[in-house]
């Protein structure tokens, strides 16, 4: 999920994440998996606030423009809708 900088802090990413979870549940999924760059604290905060937990890490997974790699954090969440 990416949000254009002009539209950040408006709840759009949270809405999209919840929509994806609901749609996945309706299609029979019981778990969501995602990965996020370790140097993206805003996205990590969103995912953790929505109940995702870290289950792994991919070392030096992303290559940044400055030539420095950054890890990918792998997160998981069990989908439960009543």
PDB file of N, CA and C in Angstrom:
ATOM      1  N   UNK A   1       0.863  -1.171   0.000  1.00  0.00           N
ATOM      2  CA  UNK A   1       0.000   0.000   0.000  1.00  0.00           C
ATOM      3  C   UNK A   1       0.902   1.224   0.000  1.00  0.00           C
ATOM      4  N   UNK A   2       0.706   2.065  -0.945  1.00  0.00           N
ATOM      5  CA  UNK A   2       1.455   3.313  -0.986  1.00  0.00           C
ATOM      6  C   UNK A   2       0.493   4.481  -1.078  1.00  0.00           C
ATOM      7  N   UNK A   3       0.790   5.522  -0.362  1.00  0.00           N
ATOM      8  CA  UNK A   3      -0.043   6.719  -0.388  1.00  0.00           C
ATOM      9  C   UNK A   3       0.802   7.892  -0.860  1.00  0.00           C
ATOM     10  N   UNK A   4       0.315   8.599  -1.835  1.00  0.00           N
ATOM     11  CA  UNK A   4       1.010   9.788  -2.328  1.00  0.00           C
ATOM     12  C   UNK A   4       1.223  10.756  -1.165  1.00  0.00           C
ATOM     13  N   UNK A   5       2.400  11.363  -1.072  1.00  0.00           N
ATOM     14  CA  UNK A   5       2.678  12.265   0.064  1.00  0.00           C
ATOM     15  C   UNK A   5       1.607  13.324   0.310  1.00  0.00           C
ATOM     16  N   UNK A   6       0.991  13.805  -0.736  1.00  0.00           N
ATOM     17  CA  UNK A   6      -0.041  14.843  -0.603  1.00  0.00           C
ATOM     18  C   UNK A   6      -1.274  14.334   0.156  1.00  0.00           C
ATOM     19  N   UNK A   7      -1.462  13.018   0.175  1.00  0.00           N
ATOM     20  CA  UNK A   7      -2.667  12.455   0.776  1.00  0.00           C
ATOM     21  C   UNK A   7      -2.393  11.613   2.021  1.00  0.00           C
ATOM     22  N   UNK A   8      -1.218  11.757   2.591  1.00  0.00           N
ATOM     23  CA  UNK A   8      -0.893  11.006   3.798  1.00  0.00           C
ATOM     24  C   UNK A   8      -1.561  11.629   5.017  1.00  0.00           C
ATOM     25  N   UNK A   9      -1.685  10.843   6.063  1.00  0.00           N
ATOM     26  CA  UNK A   9      -2.284  11.257   7.349  1.00  0.00           C
ATOM     27  C   UNK A   9      -3.765  11.586   7.211  1.00  0.00           C
ATOM     28  N   UNK A  10      -4.416  10.905   6.259  1.00  0.00           N
ATOM     29  CA  UNK A  10      -5.852  11.089   6.066  1.00  0.00           C
ATOM     30  C   UNK A  10      -6.621   9.784   6.283  1.00  0.00           C
ATOM     31  N   UNK A  11      -5.910   8.714   6.649  1.00  0.00           N
ATOM     32  CA  UNK A  11      -6.558   7.429   6.888  1.00  0.00           C
ATOM     33  C   UNK A  11      -6.743   6.576   5.648  1.00  0.00           C
ATOM     34  N   UNK A  12      -6.209   7.006   4.533  1.00  0.00           N
ATOM     35  CA  UNK A  12      -6.406   6.274   3.277  1.00  0.00           C
ATOM     36  C   UNK A  12      -5.728   4.906   3.322  1.00  0.00           C
ATOM     37  N   UNK A  13      -4.474   4.842   3.761  1.00  0.00           N
ATOM     38  CA  UNK A  13      -3.757   3.564   3.823  1.00  0.00           C
ATOM     39  C   UNK A  13      -4.459   2.610   4.793  1.00  0.00           C
ATOM     40  N   UNK A  14      -4.915   3.118   5.925  1.00  0.00           N
ATOM     41  CA  UNK A  14      -5.622   2.275   6.897  1.00  0.00           C
ATOM     42  C   UNK A  14      -6.906   1.727   6.279  1.00  0.00           C
ATOM     43  N   UNK A  15      -7.642   2.583   5.589  1.00  0.00           N
ATOM     44  CA  UNK A  15      -8.871   2.143   4.926  1.00  0.00           C
ATOM     45  C   UNK A  15      -8.561   1.054   3.898  1.00  0.00           C
ATOM     46  N   UNK A  16      -7.535   1.264   3.081  1.00  0.00           N
ATOM     47  CA  UNK A  16      -7.177   0.279   2.062  1.00  0.00           C
ATOM     48  C   UNK A  16      -6.763  -1.043   2.689  1.00  0.00           C
ATOM     49  N   UNK A  17      -5.989  -0.985   3.763  1.00  0.00           N
ATOM     50  CA  UNK A  17      -5.564  -2.201   4.448  1.00  0.00           C
ATOM     51  C   UNK A  17      -6.780  -2.960   4.992  1.00  0.00           C
ATOM     52  N   UNK A  18      -7.698  -2.263   5.614  1.00  0.00           N
ATOM     53  CA  UNK A  18      -8.901  -2.908   6.142  1.00  0.00           C
ATOM     54  C   UNK A  18      -9.759  -3.480   5.019  1.00  0.00           C
ATOM     55  N   UNK A  19      -9.828  -2.783   3.892  1.00  0.00           N
ATOM     56  CA  UNK A  19     -10.575  -3.273   2.738  1.00  0.00           C
ATOM     57  C   UNK A  19      -9.962  -4.564   2.210  1.00  0.00           C
ATOM     58  N   UNK A  20      -8.642  -4.599   2.113  1.00  0.00           N
ATOM     59  CA  UNK A  20      -7.952  -5.804   1.648  1.00  0.00           C
ATOM     60  C   UNK A  20      -8.240  -6.972   2.589  1.00  0.00           C
ATOM     61  N   UNK A  21      -8.154  -6.730   3.883  1.00  0.00           N
ATOM     62  CA  UNK A  21      -8.420  -7.794   4.860  1.00  0.00           C
ATOM     63  C   UNK A  21      -9.849  -8.313   4.741  1.00  0.00           C
ATOM     64  N   UNK A  22     -10.801  -7.405   4.648  1.00  0.00           N
ATOM     65  CA  UNK A  22     -12.201  -7.813   4.540  1.00  0.00           C
ATOM     66  C   UNK A  22     -12.437  -8.612   3.258  1.00  0.00           C
ATOM     67  N   UNK A  23     -11.894  -8.138   2.158  1.00  0.00           N
ATOM     68  CA  UNK A  23     -12.048  -8.832   0.877  1.00  0.00           C
ATOM     69  C   UNK A  23     -11.395 -10.208   0.926  1.00  0.00           C
ATOM     70  N   UNK A  24     -10.199 -10.293   1.521  1.00  0.00           N
ATOM     71  CA  UNK A  24      -9.515 -11.579   1.642  1.00  0.00           C
ATOM     72  C   UNK A  24     -10.348 -12.549   2.480  1.00  0.00           C
ATOM     73  N   UNK A  25     -10.917 -12.040   3.563  1.00  0.00           N
ATOM     74  CA  UNK A  25     -11.765 -12.874   4.410  1.00  0.00           C
ATOM     75  C   UNK A  25     -12.972 -13.386   3.633  1.00  0.00           C
ATOM     76  N   UNK A  26     -13.618 -12.512   2.889  1.00  0.00           N
ATOM     77  CA  UNK A  26     -14.793 -12.901   2.100  1.00  0.00           C
ATOM     78  C   UNK A  26     -14.439 -13.975   1.073  1.00  0.00           C
ATOM     79  N   UNK A  27     -13.204 -14.015   0.645  1.00  0.00           N
ATOM     80  CA  UNK A  27     -12.757 -14.996  -0.349  1.00  0.00           C
ATOM     81  C   UNK A  27     -12.137 -16.227   0.292  1.00  0.00           C
ATOM     82  N   UNK A  28     -12.238 -16.315   1.626  1.00  0.00           N
ATOM     83  CA  UNK A  28     -11.829 -17.515   2.320  1.00  0.00           C
ATOM     84  C   UNK A  28     -10.442 -17.499   2.938  1.00  0.00           C
ATOM     85  N   UNK A  29      -9.745 -16.391   2.875  1.00  0.00           N
ATOM     86  CA  UNK A  29      -8.413 -16.324   3.476  1.00  0.00           C
ATOM     87  C   UNK A  29      -8.530 -16.228   4.993  1.00  0.00           C
ATOM     88  N   UNK A  30      -7.572 -16.801   5.679  1.00  0.00           N
ATOM     89  CA  UNK A  30      -7.558 -16.738   7.124  1.00  0.00           C
ATOM     90  C   UNK A  30      -6.383 -15.960   7.679  1.00  0.00           C
ATOM     91  N   UNK A  31      -5.493 -15.531   6.778  1.00  0.00           N
ATOM     92  CA  UNK A  31      -4.296 -14.832   7.230  1.00  0.00           C
ATOM     93  C   UNK A  31      -3.804 -13.890   6.142  1.00  0.00           C
ATOM     94  N   UNK A  32      -3.283 -12.749   6.569  1.00  0.00           N
ATOM     95  CA  UNK A  32      -2.652 -11.796   5.656  1.00  0.00           C
ATOM     96  C   UNK A  32      -1.154 -11.767   5.954  1.00  0.00           C
ATOM     97  N   UNK A  33      -0.370 -11.745   4.915  1.00  0.00           N
ATOM     98  CA  UNK A  33       1.075 -11.592   5.015  1.00  0.00           C
ATOM     99  C   UNK A  33       1.475 -10.358   4.235  1.00  0.00           C
ATOM    100  N   UNK A  34       2.475  -9.648   4.744  1.00  0.00           N
ATOM    101  CA  UNK A  34       3.005  -8.513   4.003  1.00  0.00           C
ATOM    102  C   UNK A  34       4.447  -8.298   4.396  1.00  0.00           C
ATOM    103  N   UNK A  35       5.112  -7.508   3.601  1.00  0.00           N
ATOM    104  CA  UNK A  35       6.471  -7.123   3.956  1.00  0.00           C
ATOM    105  C   UNK A  35       6.603  -5.629   3.773  1.00  0.00           C
ATOM    106  N   UNK A  36       7.502  -5.056   4.544  1.00  0.00           N
ATOM    107  CA  UNK A  36       7.699  -3.613   4.547  1.00  0.00           C
ATOM    108  C   UNK A  36       9.177  -3.340   4.783  1.00  0.00           C
ATOM    109  N   UNK A  37       9.675  -2.290   4.189  1.00  0.00           N
ATOM    110  CA  UNK A  37      11.072  -1.915   4.396  1.00  0.00           C
ATOM    111  C   UNK A  37      11.284  -1.512   5.850  1.00  0.00           C
ATOM    112  N   UNK A  38      12.374  -1.983   6.421  1.00  0.00           N
ATOM    113  CA  UNK A  38      12.677  -1.700   7.828  1.00  0.00           C
ATOM    114  C   UNK A  38      12.883  -0.216   8.085  1.00  0.00           C
ATOM    115  N   UNK A  39      13.180   0.547   7.032  1.00  0.00           N
ATOM    116  CA  UNK A  39      13.388   1.992   7.205  1.00  0.00           C
ATOM    117  C   UNK A  39      12.121   2.800   6.894  1.00  0.00           C
ATOM    118  N   UNK A  40      10.956   2.162   7.062  1.00  0.00           N
ATOM    119  CA  UNK A  40       9.670   2.823   6.833  1.00  0.00           C
ATOM    120  C   UNK A  40       8.851   2.759   8.129  1.00  0.00           C
ATOM    121  N   UNK A  41       9.214   3.559   9.139  1.00  0.00           N
ATOM    122  CA  UNK A  41       8.532   3.463  10.432  1.00  0.00           C
ATOM    123  C   UNK A  41       7.045   3.819  10.379  1.00  0.00           C
ATOM    124  N   UNK A  42       6.639   4.692   9.483  1.00  0.00           N
ATOM    125  CA  UNK A  42       5.215   5.049   9.401  1.00  0.00           C
ATOM    126  C   UNK A  42       4.385   3.841   8.978  1.00  0.00           C
ATOM    127  N   UNK A  43       4.843   3.108   7.979  1.00  0.00           N
ATOM    128  CA  UNK A  43       4.110   1.928   7.520  1.00  0.00           C
ATOM    129  C   UNK A  43       4.136   0.832   8.579  1.00  0.00           C
ATOM    130  N   UNK A  44       5.285   0.629   9.193  1.00  0.00           N
ATOM    131  CA  UNK A  44       5.380  -0.384  10.250  1.00  0.00           C
ATOM    132  C   UNK A  44       4.407  -0.047  11.374  1.00  0.00           C
ATOM    133  N   UNK A  45       4.339   1.215  11.759  1.00  0.00           N
ATOM    134  CA  UNK A  45       3.405   1.642  12.796  1.00  0.00           C
ATOM    135  C   UNK A  45       1.962   1.357  12.429  1.00  0.00           C
ATOM    136  N   UNK A  46       1.609   1.617  11.177  1.00  0.00           N
ATOM    137  CA  UNK A  46       0.247   1.328  10.714  1.00  0.00           C
ATOM    138  C   UNK A  46      -0.057  -0.156  10.835  1.00  0.00           C
ATOM    139  N   UNK A  47       0.838  -0.977  10.302  1.00  0.00           N
ATOM    140  CA  UNK A  47       0.591  -2.420  10.303  1.00  0.00           C
ATOM    141  C   UNK A  47       0.503  -2.976  11.724  1.00  0.00           C
ATOM    142  N   UNK A  48       1.387  -2.550  12.596  1.00  0.00           N
ATOM    143  CA  UNK A  48       1.356  -3.025  13.983  1.00  0.00           C
ATOM    144  C   UNK A  48       0.079  -2.555  14.672  1.00  0.00           C
ATOM    145  N   UNK A  49      -0.345  -1.320  14.402  1.00  0.00           N
ATOM    146  CA  UNK A  49      -1.575  -0.812  15.024  1.00  0.00           C
ATOM    147  C   UNK A  49      -2.809  -1.563  14.539  1.00  0.00           C
ATOM    148  N   UNK A  50      -2.695  -2.214  13.384  1.00  0.00           N
ATOM    149  CA  UNK A  50      -3.800  -3.002  12.842  1.00  0.00           C
ATOM    150  C   UNK A  50      -3.686  -4.487  13.202  1.00  0.00           C
ATOM    151  N   UNK A  51      -2.741  -4.813  14.080  1.00  0.00           N
ATOM    152  CA  UNK A  51      -2.660  -6.182  14.588  1.00  0.00           C
ATOM    153  C   UNK A  51      -1.653  -7.094  13.918  1.00  0.00           C
ATOM    154  N   UNK A  52      -0.847  -6.570  13.017  1.00  0.00           N
ATOM    155  CA  UNK A  52       0.177  -7.398  12.377  1.00  0.00           C
ATOM    156  C   UNK A  52       1.351  -7.601  13.336  1.00  0.00           C
ATOM    157  N   UNK A  53       1.966  -8.772  13.244  1.00  0.00           N
ATOM    158  CA  UNK A  53       3.121  -9.106  14.066  1.00  0.00           C
ATOM    159  C   UNK A  53       4.265  -9.560  13.175  1.00  0.00           C
ATOM    160  N   UNK A  54       5.480  -9.204  13.558  1.00  0.00           N
ATOM    161  CA  UNK A  54       6.646  -9.596  12.783  1.00  0.00           C
ATOM    162  C   UNK A  54       6.875 -11.095  12.918  1.00  0.00           C
ATOM    163  N   UNK A  55       7.067 -11.752  11.765  1.00  0.00           N
ATOM    164  CA  UNK A  55       7.354 -13.184  11.775  1.00  0.00           C
ATOM    165  C   UNK A  55       8.684 -13.495  11.097  1.00  0.00           C
ATOM    166  N   UNK A  56       9.318 -12.486  10.529  1.00  0.00           N
ATOM    167  CA  UNK A  56      10.588 -12.735   9.876  1.00  0.00           C
ATOM    168  C   UNK A  56      11.233 -11.469   9.371  1.00  0.00           C
ATOM    169  N   UNK A  57      12.400 -11.657   8.769  1.00  0.00           N
ATOM    170  CA  UNK A  57      13.147 -10.537   8.208  1.00  0.00           C
ATOM    171  C   UNK A  57      13.951 -11.059   7.029  1.00  0.00           C
ATOM    172  N   UNK A  58      14.005 -10.273   5.967  1.00  0.00           N
ATOM    173  CA  UNK A  58      14.846 -10.581   4.815  1.00  0.00           C
ATOM    174  C   UNK A  58      15.974  -9.560   4.803  1.00  0.00           C
ATOM    175  N   UNK A  59      17.144 -10.004   5.148  1.00  0.00           N
ATOM    176  CA  UNK A  59      18.292  -9.105   5.263  1.00  0.00           C
ATOM    177  C   UNK A  59      18.662  -8.495   3.912  1.00  0.00           C
ATOM    178  N   UNK A  60      18.895  -7.185   3.929  1.00  0.00           N
ATOM    179  CA  UNK A  60      19.365  -6.445   2.750  1.00  0.00           C
ATOM    180  C   UNK A  60      18.494  -6.707   1.518  1.00  0.00           C
ATOM    181  N   UNK A  61      17.204  -6.778   1.714  1.00  0.00           N
ATOM    182  CA  UNK A  61      16.265  -7.135   0.641  1.00  0.00           C
ATOM    183  C   UNK A  61      16.042  -6.004  -0.354  1.00  0.00           C
ATOM    184  N   UNK A  62      15.957  -4.783   0.131  1.00  0.00           N
ATOM    185  CA  UNK A  62      15.735  -3.624  -0.734  1.00  0.00           C
ATOM    186  C   UNK A  62      17.051  -2.884  -0.968  1.00  0.00           C
ATOM    187  N   UNK A  63      17.280  -2.493  -2.190  1.00  0.00           N
ATOM    188  CA  UNK A  63      18.457  -1.699  -2.526  1.00  0.00           C
ATOM    189  C   UNK A  63      17.996  -0.253  -2.712  1.00  0.00           C
ATOM    190  N   UNK A  64      18.508   0.647  -1.916  1.00  0.00           N
ATOM    191  CA  UNK A  64      18.123   2.050  -1.987  1.00  0.00           C
ATOM    192  C   UNK A  64      18.942   2.779  -3.045  1.00  0.00           C
ATOM    193  N   UNK A  65      18.438   3.927  -3.493  1.00  0.00           N
ATOM    194  CA  UNK A  65      19.114   4.721  -4.520  1.00  0.00           C
ATOM    195  C   UNK A  65      20.523   5.120  -4.105  1.00  0.00           C
ATOM    196  N   UNK A  66      20.741   5.292  -2.802  1.00  0.00           N
ATOM    197  CA  UNK A  66      22.065   5.679  -2.320  1.00  0.00           C
ATOM    198  C   UNK A  66      23.032   4.494  -2.274  1.00  0.00           C
ATOM    199  N   UNK A  67      22.562   3.330  -2.698  1.00  0.00           N
ATOM    200  CA  UNK A  67      23.399   2.147  -2.736  1.00  0.00           C
ATOM    201  C   UNK A  67      23.365   1.303  -1.486  1.00  0.00           C
ATOM    202  N   UNK A  68      22.710   1.800  -0.446  1.00  0.00           N
ATOM    203  CA  UNK A  68      22.652   1.058   0.809  1.00  0.00           C
ATOM    204  C   UNK A  68      21.439   0.138   0.839  1.00  0.00           C
ATOM    205  N   UNK A  69      21.637  -1.104   1.198  1.00  0.00           N
ATOM    206  CA  UNK A  69      20.488  -2.015   1.305  1.00  0.00           C
ATOM    207  C   UNK A  69      19.755  -1.803   2.628  1.00  0.00           C
ATOM    208  N   UNK A  70      18.505  -2.191   2.655  1.00  0.00           N
ATOM    209  CA  UNK A  70      17.727  -2.188   3.894  1.00  0.00           C
ATOM    210  C   UNK A  70      16.939  -3.483   3.977  1.00  0.00           C
ATOM    211  N   UNK A  71      16.688  -3.923   5.176  1.00  0.00           N
ATOM    212  CA  UNK A  71      15.979  -5.176   5.395  1.00  0.00           C
ATOM    213  C   UNK A  71      14.495  -5.042   5.057  1.00  0.00           C
ATOM    214  N   UNK A  72      13.880  -6.180   4.768  1.00  0.00           N
ATOM    215  CA  UNK A  72      12.429  -6.270   4.657  1.00  0.00           C
ATOM    216  C   UNK A  72      11.929  -6.962   5.920  1.00  0.00           C
ATOM    217  N   UNK A  73      10.926  -6.384   6.536  1.00  0.00           N
ATOM    218  CA  UNK A  73      10.280  -6.972   7.699  1.00  0.00           C
ATOM    219  C   UNK A  73       9.036  -7.711   7.203  1.00  0.00           C
ATOM    220  N   UNK A  74       8.902  -8.980   7.565  1.00  0.00           N
ATOM    221  CA  UNK A  74       7.753  -9.790   7.168  1.00  0.00           C
ATOM    222  C   UNK A  74       6.771  -9.811   8.331  1.00  0.00           C
ATOM    223  N   UNK A  75       5.523  -9.453   8.042  1.00  0.00           N
ATOM    224  CA  UNK A  75       4.477  -9.359   9.068  1.00  0.00           C
ATOM    225  C   UNK A  75       3.297 -10.269   8.709  1.00  0.00           C
ATOM    226  N   UNK A  76       2.586 -10.703   9.715  1.00  0.00           N
ATOM    227  CA  UNK A  76       1.441 -11.600   9.529  1.00  0.00           C
ATOM    228  C   UNK A  76       0.314 -11.192  10.465  1.00  0.00           C
ATOM    229  N   UNK A  77      -0.897 -11.495  10.029  1.00  0.00           N
ATOM    230  CA  UNK A  77      -2.081 -11.250  10.866  1.00  0.00           C
ATOM    231  C   UNK A  77      -3.146 -12.286  10.534  1.00  0.00           C
ATOM    232  N   UNK A  78      -3.703 -12.875  11.567  1.00  0.00           N
ATOM    233  CA  UNK A  78      -4.852 -13.758  11.386  1.00  0.00           C
ATOM    234  C   UNK A  78      -6.080 -12.885  11.158  1.00  0.00           C
ATOM    235  N   UNK A  79      -6.859 -13.217  10.153  1.00  0.00           N
ATOM    236  CA  UNK A  79      -8.048 -12.435   9.816  1.00  0.00           C
ATOM    237  C   UNK A  79      -9.243 -13.037  10.549  1.00  0.00           C
ATOM    238  N   UNK A  80      -9.893 -12.205  11.338  1.00  0.00           N
ATOM    239  CA  UNK A  80     -11.093 -12.634  12.063  1.00  0.00           C
ATOM    240  C   UNK A  80     -12.180 -11.590  11.870  1.00  0.00           C
ATOM    241  N   UNK A  81     -13.264 -11.977  11.257  1.00  0.00           N
ATOM    242  CA  UNK A  81     -14.410 -11.081  11.121  1.00  0.00           C
ATOM    243  C   UNK A  81     -15.624 -11.803  11.658  1.00  0.00           C
ATOM    244  N   UNK A  82     -16.424 -11.091  12.370  1.00  0.00           N
ATOM    245  CA  UNK A  82     -17.638 -11.671  12.951  1.00  0.00           C
ATOM    246  C   UNK A  82     -18.794 -11.397  12.023  1.00  0.00           C
TER     247      UNK A  82
END
